[in-house]
Amino acid sequence: MKNAHKYFTTYDLNLSAVLVSQGFTLEEIEKSGGTKGLFYFKKSDKLLVVIDSYWKNQLQISPQTLFSSLKSIKNRLYSDWK
């Protein structure tokens, strides 16, 4: 992806699902064979705060929203389109 320094990237599927459920757009999934993917989100101060809260176990998320986001990401990851 171009301008990679403008993006936060992670291989963590669960973190990615949390970010999507919090309203952040998953810009791209860079597939690296099999079922592994590198997830791209545009960097922002708000994004970094949510990531920090995730790692500190300080977020409250609707389970239905989280599982819907996880399903959507898995569909993108495991499909043949990019």
Protein backbone atom coordinates (compact mmCIF):
# COMPACT_ATOMS: atom_id res chain seq x y z
CA MET A 1 0.00 0.00 0.00
CA LYS A 2 1.24 3.47 -0.85
CA ASN A 3 2.05 5.96 1.91
CA ALA A 4 2.28 3.17 4.47
CA HIS A 5 3.47 5.66 7.12
CA LYS A 6 -0.05 7.15 7.08
CA TYR A 7 -1.56 3.84 8.14
CA PHE A 8 -1.70 1.74 11.27
CA THR A 9 -1.17 -1.91 10.37
CA THR A 10 -1.77 -5.06 12.35
CA TYR A 11 -2.05 -8.80 11.81
CA ASP A 12 -4.42 -8.99 14.80
CA LEU A 13 -7.86 -10.02 13.54
CA ASN A 14 -9.58 -9.33 16.87
CA LEU A 15 -8.12 -5.83 17.19
CA SER A 16 -9.19 -5.14 13.63
CA ALA A 17 -12.75 -6.27 14.42
CA VAL A 18 -12.82 -3.97 17.43
CA LEU A 19 -11.61 -1.02 15.34
CA VAL A 20 -14.25 -1.66 12.67
CA SER A 21 -16.92 -1.96 15.35
CA GLN A 22 -15.78 1.42 16.70
CA GLY A 23 -16.39 3.04 13.32
CA PHE A 24 -12.93 2.97 11.75
CA THR A 25 -12.66 1.97 8.11
CA LEU A 26 -10.60 -1.05 7.19
CA GLU A 27 -8.80 0.44 4.21
CA GLU A 28 -7.11 -2.68 2.91
CA ILE A 29 -6.20 -6.25 3.72
CA GLU A 30 -2.83 -7.30 2.35
CA LYS A 31 -3.11 -11.06 2.09
CA SER A 32 0.06 -12.99 2.76
CA GLY A 33 -0.91 -16.52 1.87
CA GLY A 34 -3.38 -18.82 3.50
CA THR A 35 -5.58 -17.11 6.04
CA LYS A 36 -3.14 -14.46 7.24
CA GLY A 37 -3.60 -10.82 6.38
CA LEU A 38 -2.15 -7.43 7.24
CA PHE A 39 -4.94 -4.98 8.10
CA TYR A 40 -4.61 -1.28 7.23
CA PHE A 41 -6.36 1.59 9.03
CA LYS A 42 -5.71 5.32 8.52
CA LYS A 43 -3.74 6.67 11.47
CA SER A 44 -5.41 9.26 13.66
CA ASP A 45 -5.21 10.34 17.27
CA LYS A 46 -8.65 8.83 17.90
CA LEU A 47 -7.56 5.49 16.42
CA LEU A 48 -4.49 5.37 18.64
CA VAL A 49 -6.61 6.11 21.73
CA VAL A 50 -8.94 3.22 20.90
CA ILE A 51 -5.99 0.88 20.30
CA ASP A 52 -4.50 1.87 23.66
CA SER A 53 -7.86 1.30 25.36
CA TYR A 54 -8.13 -2.11 23.67
CA TRP A 55 -4.78 -3.23 25.07
CA LYS A 56 -5.69 -1.87 28.52
CA ASN A 57 -9.01 -3.79 28.41
CA GLN A 58 -10.96 -0.54 28.84
CA LEU A 59 -13.48 -0.77 25.99
CA GLN A 60 -17.14 -1.65 26.11
CA ILE A 61 -18.52 -2.97 22.84
CA SER A 62 -21.86 -4.40 21.82
CA PRO A 63 -21.30 -8.13 21.23
CA GLN A 64 -23.57 -8.09 18.16
CA THR A 65 -21.63 -5.22 16.62
CA LEU A 66 -18.30 -6.90 17.36
CA PHE A 67 -19.32 -10.26 15.89
CA SER A 68 -20.81 -8.58 12.83
CA SER A 69 -17.53 -6.73 12.27
CA LEU A 70 -15.53 -9.92 12.74
CA LYS A 71 -17.71 -11.79 10.23
CA SER A 72 -17.37 -8.97 7.69
CA ILE A 73 -13.58 -8.92 8.00
CA LYS A 74 -13.35 -12.70 7.71
CA ASN A 75 -15.48 -12.58 4.57
CA ARG A 76 -13.06 -10.07 3.04
CA LEU A 77 -10.00 -11.99 4.20
CA TYR A 78 -11.11 -15.38 2.92
CA SER A 79 -12.67 -14.22 -0.35
CA ASP A 80 -10.79 -14.18 -3.64
CA TRP A 81 -11.27 -10.47 -4.33
CA LYS A 82 -8.91 -7.86 -3.00
